[in-house]
Amino acid sequence: MLVSQRTAFQAGNPEAPVKGVHPSARRDARIQRAVRCRASAGGPDAPQQQQEQLVFEPSSSRRAILLSVPPLVGSALLQQNDEARAIQGGTAGRIPGQSKEPDENGFYTYTRPEGKSGGHGVGWSEIPRYSFKVPAGWEETPVSIADLGGTEVDLRYNSKDEGSLQIVVAPILRFIDVGYNANVKISEIGSPEKIIKGFAPELYKEPLEDDAVMEQWTEQHDGLDYYYWRLKPYKLVAATAVKNRVFIISIISNNIKWRKHEQDLRAIQKSFRVPPMEKAFAQGAAASAGNA
């Protein structure tokens, strides 16, 4: 750090330039005085840490400045930055989608937020607002375009005690050649065996073994076909298709606690829903009207 002696005139005029001091040091000195003014405004009872004189290096970065300011000031600045990133929605997980209160059974509902871009990169149209239920203690974890699961991983959730889950959103063009505005059901893409074998390497980083499927069944909700599986040793999967995408939820149990949490994990699997095409359009129109 550059150090110099002030003349009497400079001592009486803090804004007067100091010979030999880099311009960034004068800028940092002004920031320092502003911080001391904030701290001194707290009166004699203000925390000693806030009243101490702060020293800045001429090369202080914005991060260093944030770490040096009083806690209240720094937290406010960090909060503003987080809010800005949330508005952009450029990174999955920045926009919260979980309900604030649980239902009568103690489950929270996650609904994909309007405008959440996820880690899919450029060129993806708006994704229908799928939903599912999770018990208390499950938390969303970050996903980015560099995620090891690929750009088709839209969401991850984790529970230290019960296990983890991921949502995969994949284009139907991986399986069949359809037009841009197609609305294909999962049964039109292929059988449950074809779907789970096709996605197993992406979900679990290895091909599906011949005896891996322990349970398999189909259901229909809101006019959409859903496939369900239980895979060895303790994996639950559900899948459907809407418009030109396949939606999959994969839940992996904490093996040693499968028996204890099996019912909760199956509840997550069975609660997975994707709105059909007409409902997805209605959701988008309602959101657009609300933002107008």
C-alpha atoms as a PDB file:
ATOM      1  CA  MET A   1       0.000   0.000   0.000  1.00  0.00           C
ATOM      2  CA  LEU A   2       1.224   3.455  -0.871  1.00  0.00           C
ATOM      3  CA  VAL A   3       1.813   5.690   2.160  1.00  0.00           C
ATOM      4  CA  SER A   4       2.509   9.443   2.183  1.00  0.00           C
ATOM      5  CA  GLN A   5       2.643  12.356   4.622  1.00  0.00           C
ATOM      6  CA  ARG A   6      -0.132  14.911   4.336  1.00  0.00           C
ATOM      7  CA  THR A   7       0.573  18.599   4.403  1.00  0.00           C
ATOM      8  CA  ALA A   8      -1.276  20.841   6.821  1.00  0.00           C
ATOM      9  CA  PHE A   9      -3.558  21.920   3.999  1.00  0.00           C
ATOM     10  CA  GLN A  10      -4.350  18.309   3.089  1.00  0.00           C
ATOM     11  CA  ALA A  11      -4.974  17.399   6.712  1.00  0.00           C
ATOM     12  CA  GLY A  12      -7.588  20.156   6.897  1.00  0.00           C
ATOM     13  CA  ASN A  13      -9.042  19.213   3.520  1.00  0.00           C
ATOM     14  CA  PRO A  14      -9.550  15.433   3.313  1.00  0.00           C
ATOM     15  CA  GLU A  15     -10.604  15.685  -0.338  1.00  0.00           C
ATOM     16  CA  ALA A  16      -7.313  17.288  -1.406  1.00  0.00           C
ATOM     17  CA  PRO A  17      -5.209  14.920  -3.535  1.00  0.00           C
ATOM     18  CA  VAL A  18      -2.151  13.366  -1.994  1.00  0.00           C
ATOM     19  CA  LYS A  19       0.982  13.388  -4.104  1.00  0.00           C
ATOM     20  CA  GLY A  20       2.214   9.925  -4.942  1.00  0.00           C
ATOM     21  CA  VAL A  21      -1.073   8.167  -4.063  1.00  0.00           C
ATOM     22  CA  HIS A  22      -2.697   6.062  -6.775  1.00  0.00           C
ATOM     23  CA  PRO A  23      -6.208   7.339  -7.837  1.00  0.00           C
ATOM     24  CA  SER A  24      -7.788   4.052  -6.733  1.00  0.00           C
ATOM     25  CA  ALA A  25      -6.369   4.615  -3.234  1.00  0.00           C
ATOM     26  CA  ARG A  26      -8.113   7.999  -3.056  1.00  0.00           C
ATOM     27  CA  ARG A  27     -11.325   6.302  -4.181  1.00  0.00           C
ATOM     28  CA  ASP A  28     -10.930   3.627  -1.536  1.00  0.00           C
ATOM     29  CA  ALA A  29     -10.249   6.296   1.077  1.00  0.00           C
ATOM     30  CA  ARG A  30     -13.563   7.932   0.240  1.00  0.00           C
ATOM     31  CA  ILE A  31     -15.295   4.559   0.617  1.00  0.00           C
ATOM     32  CA  GLN A  32     -13.487   4.122   3.931  1.00  0.00           C
ATOM     33  CA  ARG A  33     -14.721   7.489   5.239  1.00  0.00           C
ATOM     34  CA  ALA A  34     -18.271   6.648   4.170  1.00  0.00           C
ATOM     35  CA  VAL A  35     -18.123   3.349   6.039  1.00  0.00           C
ATOM     36  CA  ARG A  36     -16.758   5.064   9.170  1.00  0.00           C
ATOM     37  CA  CYS A  37     -19.600   7.578   8.986  1.00  0.00           C
ATOM     38  CA  ARG A  38     -22.130   4.739   8.882  1.00  0.00           C
ATOM     39  CA  ALA A  39     -20.459   3.048  11.823  1.00  0.00           C
ATOM     40  CA  SER A  40     -20.220   6.212  13.900  1.00  0.00           C
ATOM     41  CA  ALA A  41     -23.926   6.884  13.278  1.00  0.00           C
ATOM     42  CA  GLY A  42     -24.618   3.955  15.559  1.00  0.00           C
ATOM     43  CA  GLY A  43     -23.428   6.028  18.544  1.00  0.00           C
ATOM     44  CA  PRO A  44     -21.077   5.023  21.332  1.00  0.00           C
ATOM     45  CA  ASP A  45     -22.892   1.695  21.697  1.00  0.00           C
ATOM     46  CA  ALA A  46     -22.182   0.637  18.116  1.00  0.00           C
ATOM     47  CA  PRO A  47     -20.133  -2.557  17.843  1.00  0.00           C
ATOM     48  CA  GLN A  48     -16.405  -1.926  18.150  1.00  0.00           C
ATOM     49  CA  GLN A  49     -15.840  -3.738  14.856  1.00  0.00           C
ATOM     50  CA  GLN A  50     -17.922  -1.093  13.105  1.00  0.00           C
ATOM     51  CA  GLN A  51     -16.077   1.807  14.780  1.00  0.00           C
ATOM     52  CA  GLU A  52     -12.588   0.632  13.890  1.00  0.00           C
ATOM     53  CA  GLN A  53     -10.761   2.418  11.131  1.00  0.00           C
ATOM     54  CA  LEU A  54     -10.714   0.269   7.993  1.00  0.00           C
ATOM     55  CA  VAL A  55      -7.696  -0.003   5.728  1.00  0.00           C
ATOM     56  CA  PHE A  56      -8.040  -0.668   1.985  1.00  0.00           C
ATOM     57  CA  GLU A  57      -5.392  -1.741  -0.463  1.00  0.00           C
ATOM     58  CA  PRO A  58      -5.345   0.239  -3.721  1.00  0.00           C
ATOM     59  CA  SER A  59      -6.210  -2.950  -5.581  1.00  0.00           C
ATOM     60  CA  SER A  60      -9.241  -3.752  -3.381  1.00  0.00           C
ATOM     61  CA  SER A  61     -11.811  -5.726  -5.327  1.00  0.00           C
ATOM     62  CA  ARG A  62     -15.572  -5.391  -4.896  1.00  0.00           C
ATOM     63  CA  ARG A  63     -15.571  -8.673  -2.967  1.00  0.00           C
ATOM     64  CA  ALA A  64     -12.919  -7.379  -0.565  1.00  0.00           C
ATOM     65  CA  ILE A  65     -14.887  -4.177  -0.033  1.00  0.00           C
ATOM     66  CA  LEU A  66     -18.078  -6.135   0.701  1.00  0.00           C
ATOM     67  CA  LEU A  67     -16.194  -8.255   3.229  1.00  0.00           C
ATOM     68  CA  SER A  68     -14.788  -5.140   4.902  1.00  0.00           C
ATOM     69  CA  VAL A  69     -17.965  -3.105   5.361  1.00  0.00           C
ATOM     70  CA  PRO A  70     -20.143  -3.384   8.500  1.00  0.00           C
ATOM     71  CA  PRO A  71     -22.332  -6.505   8.555  1.00  0.00           C
ATOM     72  CA  LEU A  72     -25.616  -4.668   7.955  1.00  0.00           C
ATOM     73  CA  VAL A  73     -24.284  -2.755   4.990  1.00  0.00           C
ATOM     74  CA  GLY A  74     -22.634  -5.803   3.439  1.00  0.00           C
ATOM     75  CA  SER A  75     -25.691  -8.029   3.819  1.00  0.00           C
ATOM     76  CA  ALA A  76     -27.877  -5.415   2.140  1.00  0.00           C
ATOM     77  CA  LEU A  77     -25.549  -5.230  -0.851  1.00  0.00           C
ATOM     78  CA  LEU A  78     -25.343  -9.010  -1.152  1.00  0.00           C
ATOM     79  CA  GLN A  79     -29.127  -9.273  -0.954  1.00  0.00           C
ATOM     80  CA  GLN A  80     -29.503  -6.796  -3.817  1.00  0.00           C
ATOM     81  CA  ASN A  81     -27.119  -8.855  -5.944  1.00  0.00           C
ATOM     82  CA  ASP A  82     -28.996 -12.099  -5.205  1.00  0.00           C
ATOM     83  CA  GLU A  83     -32.313 -10.469  -6.099  1.00  0.00           C
ATOM     84  CA  ALA A  84     -30.913  -9.321  -9.410  1.00  0.00           C
ATOM     85  CA  ARG A  85     -29.748 -12.830 -10.258  1.00  0.00           C
ATOM     86  CA  ALA A  86     -33.112 -14.273  -9.249  1.00  0.00           C
ATOM     87  CA  ILE A  87     -34.941 -11.940 -11.633  1.00  0.00           C
ATOM     88  CA  GLN A  88     -32.757 -13.065 -14.526  1.00  0.00           C
ATOM     89  CA  GLY A  89     -33.474 -16.718 -13.795  1.00  0.00           C
ATOM     90  CA  GLY A  90     -30.308 -17.744 -15.623  1.00  0.00           C
ATOM     91  CA  THR A  91     -29.315 -20.439 -13.159  1.00  0.00           C
ATOM     92  CA  ALA A  92     -31.522 -23.233 -11.964  1.00  0.00           C
ATOM     93  CA  GLY A  93     -32.405 -22.994  -8.286  1.00  0.00           C
ATOM     94  CA  ARG A  94     -32.237 -19.185  -8.083  1.00  0.00           C
ATOM     95  CA  ILE A  95     -36.027 -18.893  -8.307  1.00  0.00           C
ATOM     96  CA  PRO A  96     -37.707 -20.777  -5.437  1.00  0.00           C
ATOM     97  CA  GLY A  97     -40.604 -23.047  -6.325  1.00  0.00           C
ATOM     98  CA  GLN A  98     -41.417 -24.826  -3.069  1.00  0.00           C
ATOM     99  CA  SER A  99     -44.564 -23.935  -1.156  1.00  0.00           C
ATOM    100  CA  LYS A 100     -44.049 -22.069   2.100  1.00  0.00           C
ATOM    101  CA  GLU A 101     -46.411 -24.248   4.098  1.00  0.00           C
ATOM    102  CA  PRO A 102     -46.911 -28.040   4.098  1.00  0.00           C
ATOM    103  CA  ASP A 103     -50.214 -29.711   3.323  1.00  0.00           C
ATOM    104  CA  GLU A 104     -52.257 -31.703   5.835  1.00  0.00           C
ATOM    105  CA  ASN A 105     -49.927 -34.671   5.374  1.00  0.00           C
ATOM    106  CA  GLY A 106     -46.773 -32.665   6.039  1.00  0.00           C
ATOM    107  CA  PHE A 107     -45.635 -32.538   2.397  1.00  0.00           C
ATOM    108  CA  TYR A 108     -44.452 -29.414   0.596  1.00  0.00           C
ATOM    109  CA  THR A 109     -45.249 -28.889  -3.089  1.00  0.00           C
ATOM    110  CA  TYR A 110     -42.610 -27.883  -5.602  1.00  0.00           C
ATOM    111  CA  THR A 111     -43.967 -26.218  -8.761  1.00  0.00           C
ATOM    112  CA  ARG A 112     -41.527 -25.183 -11.478  1.00  0.00           C
ATOM    113  CA  PRO A 113     -41.401 -21.357 -11.344  1.00  0.00           C
ATOM    114  CA  GLU A 114     -42.603 -19.322 -14.296  1.00  0.00           C
ATOM    115  CA  GLY A 115     -39.603 -18.015 -16.232  1.00  0.00           C
ATOM    116  CA  LYS A 116     -37.039 -20.395 -14.705  1.00  0.00           C
ATOM    117  CA  SER A 117     -34.540 -21.110 -17.467  1.00  0.00           C
ATOM    118  CA  GLY A 118     -32.616 -23.919 -15.798  1.00  0.00           C
ATOM    119  CA  GLY A 119     -29.307 -25.216 -17.097  1.00  0.00           C
ATOM    120  CA  HIS A 120     -30.442 -25.911 -20.629  1.00  0.00           C
ATOM    121  CA  GLY A 121     -28.494 -23.241 -22.477  1.00  0.00           C
ATOM    122  CA  VAL A 122     -29.867 -21.184 -25.349  1.00  0.00           C
ATOM    123  CA  GLY A 123     -32.861 -22.035 -27.496  1.00  0.00           C
ATOM    124  CA  TRP A 124     -35.210 -23.778 -25.065  1.00  0.00           C
ATOM    125  CA  SER A 125     -38.824 -22.651 -25.084  1.00  0.00           C
ATOM    126  CA  GLU A 126     -40.792 -22.271 -21.855  1.00  0.00           C
ATOM    127  CA  ILE A 127     -41.091 -25.576 -19.961  1.00  0.00           C
ATOM    128  CA  PRO A 128     -44.496 -26.623 -18.521  1.00  0.00           C
ATOM    129  CA  ARG A 129     -44.717 -26.100 -14.777  1.00  0.00           C
ATOM    130  CA  TYR A 130     -44.408 -29.662 -13.511  1.00  0.00           C
ATOM    131  CA  SER A 131     -44.895 -30.326  -9.792  1.00  0.00           C
ATOM    132  CA  PHE A 132     -44.285 -32.926  -7.097  1.00  0.00           C
ATOM    133  CA  LYS A 133     -44.455 -33.231  -3.319  1.00  0.00           C
ATOM    134  CA  VAL A 134     -41.540 -33.547  -0.893  1.00  0.00           C
ATOM    135  CA  PRO A 135     -41.432 -34.141   2.876  1.00  0.00           C
ATOM    136  CA  ALA A 136     -39.849 -31.639   5.243  1.00  0.00           C
ATOM    137  CA  GLY A 137     -36.063 -31.626   5.131  1.00  0.00           C
ATOM    138  CA  TRP A 138     -35.675 -31.824   1.351  1.00  0.00           C
ATOM    139  CA  GLU A 139     -33.853 -28.912  -0.262  1.00  0.00           C
ATOM    140  CA  GLU A 140     -33.212 -27.802  -3.834  1.00  0.00           C
ATOM    141  CA  THR A 141     -29.573 -27.993  -4.922  1.00  0.00           C
ATOM    142  CA  PRO A 142     -27.953 -25.983  -7.750  1.00  0.00           C
ATOM    143  CA  VAL A 143     -27.918 -27.166 -11.343  1.00  0.00           C
ATOM    144  CA  SER A 144     -25.968 -25.492 -14.139  1.00  0.00           C
ATOM    145  CA  ILE A 145     -25.272 -26.002 -17.824  1.00  0.00           C
ATOM    146  CA  ALA A 146     -22.039 -27.723 -16.756  1.00  0.00           C
ATOM    147  CA  ASP A 147     -23.889 -30.320 -14.649  1.00  0.00           C
ATOM    148  CA  LEU A 148     -22.429 -33.799 -15.025  1.00  0.00           C
ATOM    149  CA  GLY A 149     -25.889 -35.103 -15.844  1.00  0.00           C
ATOM    150  CA  GLY A 150     -26.016 -32.978 -19.000  1.00  0.00           C
ATOM    151  CA  THR A 151     -28.109 -30.035 -20.072  1.00  0.00           C
ATOM    152  CA  GLU A 152     -31.318 -32.070 -19.754  1.00  0.00           C
ATOM    153  CA  VAL A 153     -31.185 -32.075 -15.922  1.00  0.00           C
ATOM    154  CA  ASP A 154     -33.671 -29.394 -14.913  1.00  0.00           C
ATOM    155  CA  LEU A 155     -33.758 -29.768 -11.125  1.00  0.00           C
ATOM    156  CA  ARG A 156     -32.107 -31.546  -8.211  1.00  0.00           C
ATOM    157  CA  TYR A 157     -33.383 -32.047  -4.658  1.00  0.00           C
ATOM    158  CA  ASN A 158     -31.620 -33.661  -1.732  1.00  0.00           C
ATOM    159  CA  SER A 159     -32.312 -34.965   1.757  1.00  0.00           C
ATOM    160  CA  LYS A 160     -29.442 -36.072   3.963  1.00  0.00           C
ATOM    161  CA  ASP A 161     -31.614 -38.710   5.608  1.00  0.00           C
ATOM    162  CA  GLU A 162     -33.885 -39.939   2.810  1.00  0.00           C
ATOM    163  CA  GLY A 163     -32.033 -39.617  -0.508  1.00  0.00           C
ATOM    164  CA  SER A 164     -31.993 -37.441  -3.609  1.00  0.00           C
ATOM    165  CA  LEU A 165     -33.975 -36.789  -6.768  1.00  0.00           C
ATOM    166  CA  GLN A 166     -33.526 -35.206 -10.171  1.00  0.00           C
ATOM    167  CA  ILE A 167     -35.857 -34.033 -12.917  1.00  0.00           C
ATOM    168  CA  VAL A 168     -34.811 -34.663 -16.519  1.00  0.00           C
ATOM    169  CA  VAL A 169     -36.479 -32.794 -19.387  1.00  0.00           C
ATOM    170  CA  ALA A 170     -35.489 -34.281 -22.757  1.00  0.00           C
ATOM    171  CA  PRO A 171     -36.601 -33.610 -26.359  1.00  0.00           C
ATOM    172  CA  ILE A 172     -38.764 -36.279 -27.975  1.00  0.00           C
ATOM    173  CA  LEU A 173     -36.595 -35.945 -31.089  1.00  0.00           C
ATOM    174  CA  ARG A 174     -34.186 -38.311 -29.345  1.00  0.00           C
ATOM    175  CA  PHE A 175     -36.692 -41.070 -30.121  1.00  0.00           C
ATOM    176  CA  ILE A 176     -38.983 -40.060 -32.987  1.00  0.00           C
ATOM    177  CA  ASP A 177     -39.035 -37.420 -35.710  1.00  0.00           C
ATOM    178  CA  VAL A 178     -41.941 -35.051 -35.011  1.00  0.00           C
ATOM    179  CA  GLY A 179     -42.807 -31.476 -35.898  1.00  0.00           C
ATOM    180  CA  TYR A 180     -42.108 -28.511 -33.641  1.00  0.00           C
ATOM    181  CA  ASN A 181     -45.707 -28.173 -32.403  1.00  0.00           C
ATOM    182  CA  ALA A 182     -46.316 -31.881 -31.916  1.00  0.00           C
ATOM    183  CA  ASN A 183     -48.049 -33.114 -28.777  1.00  0.00           C
ATOM    184  CA  VAL A 184     -46.877 -36.686 -28.236  1.00  0.00           C
ATOM    185  CA  LYS A 185     -47.858 -39.033 -25.412  1.00  0.00           C
ATOM    186  CA  ILE A 186     -45.181 -41.200 -23.868  1.00  0.00           C
ATOM    187  CA  SER A 187     -46.996 -44.334 -25.064  1.00  0.00           C
ATOM    188  CA  GLU A 188     -46.500 -43.122 -28.655  1.00  0.00           C
ATOM    189  CA  ILE A 189     -42.729 -42.943 -28.119  1.00  0.00           C
ATOM    190  CA  GLY A 190     -42.321 -46.479 -26.889  1.00  0.00           C
ATOM    191  CA  SER A 191     -43.012 -49.078 -24.227  1.00  0.00           C
ATOM    192  CA  PRO A 192     -41.961 -48.678 -20.583  1.00  0.00           C
ATOM    193  CA  GLU A 193     -39.055 -51.047 -21.290  1.00  0.00           C
ATOM    194  CA  LYS A 194     -37.798 -48.885 -24.161  1.00  0.00           C
ATOM    195  CA  ILE A 195     -38.048 -45.641 -22.157  1.00  0.00           C
ATOM    196  CA  ILE A 196     -36.270 -46.844 -19.014  1.00  0.00           C
ATOM    197  CA  LYS A 197     -33.490 -48.566 -21.003  1.00  0.00           C
ATOM    198  CA  GLY A 198     -33.024 -45.444 -23.085  1.00  0.00           C
ATOM    199  CA  PHE A 199     -32.693 -43.108 -20.098  1.00  0.00           C
ATOM    200  CA  ALA A 200     -30.921 -45.337 -17.563  1.00  0.00           C
ATOM    201  CA  PRO A 201     -27.397 -44.404 -18.722  1.00  0.00           C
ATOM    202  CA  GLU A 202     -28.270 -40.724 -18.357  1.00  0.00           C
ATOM    203  CA  LEU A 203     -29.912 -41.157 -14.974  1.00  0.00           C
ATOM    204  CA  TYR A 204     -27.420 -43.579 -13.422  1.00  0.00           C
ATOM    205  CA  LYS A 205     -24.274 -43.365 -15.590  1.00  0.00           C
ATOM    206  CA  GLU A 206     -24.549 -47.025 -16.570  1.00  0.00           C
ATOM    207  CA  PRO A 207     -26.789 -49.236 -18.732  1.00  0.00           C
ATOM    208  CA  LEU A 208     -29.818 -50.868 -17.188  1.00  0.00           C
ATOM    209  CA  GLU A 209     -29.153 -54.447 -16.102  1.00  0.00           C
ATOM    210  CA  ASP A 210     -31.536 -57.137 -17.331  1.00  0.00           C
ATOM    211  CA  ASP A 211     -32.975 -57.835 -13.878  1.00  0.00           C
ATOM    212  CA  ALA A 212     -32.982 -54.246 -12.642  1.00  0.00           C
ATOM    213  CA  VAL A 213     -36.748 -53.653 -12.967  1.00  0.00           C
ATOM    214  CA  MET A 214     -38.486 -54.845  -9.801  1.00  0.00           C
ATOM    215  CA  GLU A 215     -41.845 -53.133 -10.388  1.00  0.00           C
ATOM    216  CA  GLN A 216     -43.412 -51.540 -13.461  1.00  0.00           C
ATOM    217  CA  TRP A 217     -46.875 -50.100 -14.068  1.00  0.00           C
ATOM    218  CA  THR A 218     -48.771 -47.397 -15.977  1.00  0.00           C
ATOM    219  CA  GLU A 219     -51.385 -44.840 -14.988  1.00  0.00           C
ATOM    220  CA  GLN A 220     -53.229 -41.958 -16.617  1.00  0.00           C
ATOM    221  CA  HIS A 221     -53.683 -38.482 -15.139  1.00  0.00           C
ATOM    222  CA  ASP A 222     -55.305 -35.482 -16.845  1.00  0.00           C
ATOM    223  CA  GLY A 223     -55.316 -37.414 -20.112  1.00  0.00           C
ATOM    224  CA  LEU A 224     -51.539 -38.097 -19.977  1.00  0.00           C
ATOM    225  CA  ASP A 225     -49.960 -41.532 -19.815  1.00  0.00           C
ATOM    226  CA  TYR A 226     -47.436 -42.046 -17.001  1.00  0.00           C
ATOM    227  CA  TYR A 227     -44.891 -44.858 -16.640  1.00  0.00           C
ATOM    228  CA  TYR A 228     -43.660 -45.931 -13.197  1.00  0.00           C
ATOM    229  CA  TRP A 229     -40.766 -48.167 -12.134  1.00  0.00           C
ATOM    230  CA  ARG A 230     -38.971 -49.435  -9.085  1.00  0.00           C
ATOM    231  CA  LEU A 231     -35.377 -50.369  -9.924  1.00  0.00           C
ATOM    232  CA  LYS A 232     -32.722 -52.235  -7.963  1.00  0.00           C
ATOM    233  CA  PRO A 233     -31.654 -51.616  -5.365  1.00  0.00           C
ATOM    234  CA  TYR A 234     -33.744 -48.642  -4.177  1.00  0.00           C
ATOM    235  CA  LYS A 235     -34.627 -46.373  -7.097  1.00  0.00           C
ATOM    236  CA  LEU A 236     -38.031 -44.987  -8.059  1.00  0.00           C
ATOM    237  CA  VAL A 237     -38.810 -43.427 -11.444  1.00  0.00           C
ATOM    238  CA  ALA A 238     -41.839 -41.821 -13.097  1.00  0.00           C
ATOM    239  CA  ALA A 239     -42.082 -40.471 -16.652  1.00  0.00           C
ATOM    240  CA  THR A 240     -44.546 -38.824 -19.012  1.00  0.00           C
ATOM    241  CA  ALA A 241     -44.483 -36.751 -22.198  1.00  0.00           C
ATOM    242  CA  VAL A 242     -46.092 -33.414 -23.028  1.00  0.00           C
ATOM    243  CA  LYS A 243     -45.924 -31.663 -26.390  1.00  0.00           C
ATOM    244  CA  ASN A 244     -42.401 -32.479 -27.663  1.00  0.00           C
ATOM    245  CA  ARG A 245     -40.583 -33.318 -24.397  1.00  0.00           C
ATOM    246  CA  VAL A 246     -40.189 -36.268 -22.028  1.00  0.00           C
ATOM    247  CA  PHE A 247     -40.340 -35.485 -18.289  1.00  0.00           C
ATOM    248  CA  ILE A 248     -38.724 -37.883 -15.813  1.00  0.00           C
ATOM    249  CA  ILE A 249     -38.383 -37.829 -12.038  1.00  0.00           C
ATOM    250  CA  SER A 250     -35.755 -40.194 -10.614  1.00  0.00           C
ATOM    251  CA  ILE A 251     -35.513 -40.776  -6.857  1.00  0.00           C
ATOM    252  CA  ILE A 252     -32.568 -42.562  -5.294  1.00  0.00           C
ATOM    253  CA  SER A 253     -32.941 -43.741  -1.703  1.00  0.00           C
ATOM    254  CA  ASN A 254     -30.387 -43.579   1.041  1.00  0.00           C
ATOM    255  CA  ASN A 255     -30.038 -47.363   0.955  1.00  0.00           C
ATOM    256  CA  ILE A 256     -29.652 -48.004   4.657  1.00  0.00           C
ATOM    257  CA  LYS A 257     -32.884 -46.096   5.392  1.00  0.00           C
ATOM    258  CA  TRP A 258     -35.086 -47.383   2.572  1.00  0.00           C
ATOM    259  CA  ARG A 259     -37.511 -49.233   4.835  1.00  0.00           C
ATOM    260  CA  LYS A 260     -37.909 -46.252   7.118  1.00  0.00           C
ATOM    261  CA  HIS A 261     -38.612 -43.743   4.330  1.00  0.00           C
ATOM    262  CA  GLU A 262     -40.109 -45.941   1.597  1.00  0.00           C
ATOM    263  CA  GLN A 263     -43.610 -44.493   1.910  1.00  0.00           C
ATOM    264  CA  ASP A 264     -42.347 -40.913   1.671  1.00  0.00           C
ATOM    265  CA  LEU A 265     -40.245 -41.743  -1.399  1.00  0.00           C
ATOM    266  CA  ARG A 266     -43.149 -43.496  -3.105  1.00  0.00           C
ATOM    267  CA  ALA A 267     -45.352 -40.479  -2.332  1.00  0.00           C
ATOM    268  CA  ILE A 268     -42.860 -38.241  -4.150  1.00  0.00           C
ATOM    269  CA  GLN A 269     -42.859 -40.593  -7.146  1.00  0.00           C
ATOM    270  CA  LYS A 270     -46.654 -40.814  -7.376  1.00  0.00           C
ATOM    271  CA  SER A 271     -47.152 -37.058  -6.926  1.00  0.00           C
ATOM    272  CA  PHE A 272     -45.140 -36.125 -10.034  1.00  0.00           C
ATOM    273  CA  ARG A 273     -47.388 -34.265 -12.484  1.00  0.00           C
ATOM    274  CA  VAL A 274     -46.873 -32.346 -15.712  1.00  0.00           C
ATOM    275  CA  PRO A 275     -49.770 -30.181 -16.947  1.00  0.00           C
ATOM    276  CA  PRO A 276     -51.156 -31.326 -20.314  1.00  0.00           C
ATOM    277  CA  MET A 277     -50.705 -29.024 -23.297  1.00  0.00           C
ATOM    278  CA  GLU A 278     -53.952 -27.083 -22.832  1.00  0.00           C
ATOM    279  CA  LYS A 279     -53.269 -26.494 -19.121  1.00  0.00           C
ATOM    280  CA  ALA A 280     -49.680 -25.470 -19.843  1.00  0.00           C
ATOM    281  CA  PHE A 281     -50.929 -22.814 -22.257  1.00  0.00           C
ATOM    282  CA  ALA A 282     -53.468 -21.628 -19.677  1.00  0.00           C
ATOM    283  CA  GLN A 283     -50.717 -21.303 -17.074  1.00  0.00           C
ATOM    284  CA  GLY A 284     -48.585 -19.244 -19.445  1.00  0.00           C
ATOM    285  CA  ALA A 285     -51.486 -16.957 -20.348  1.00  0.00           C
ATOM    286  CA  ALA A 286     -52.379 -16.414 -16.687  1.00  0.00           C
ATOM    287  CA  ALA A 287     -48.770 -15.607 -15.811  1.00  0.00           C
ATOM    288  CA  SER A 288     -48.492 -13.159 -18.719  1.00  0.00           C
ATOM    289  CA  ALA A 289     -51.692 -11.414 -17.645  1.00  0.00           C
ATOM    290  CA  GLY A 290     -50.422 -11.150 -14.084  1.00  0.00           C
ATOM    291  CA  ASN A 291     -47.168  -9.569 -15.231  1.00  0.00           C
ATOM    292  CA  ALA A 292     -48.882  -7.052 -17.524  1.00  0.00           C
END
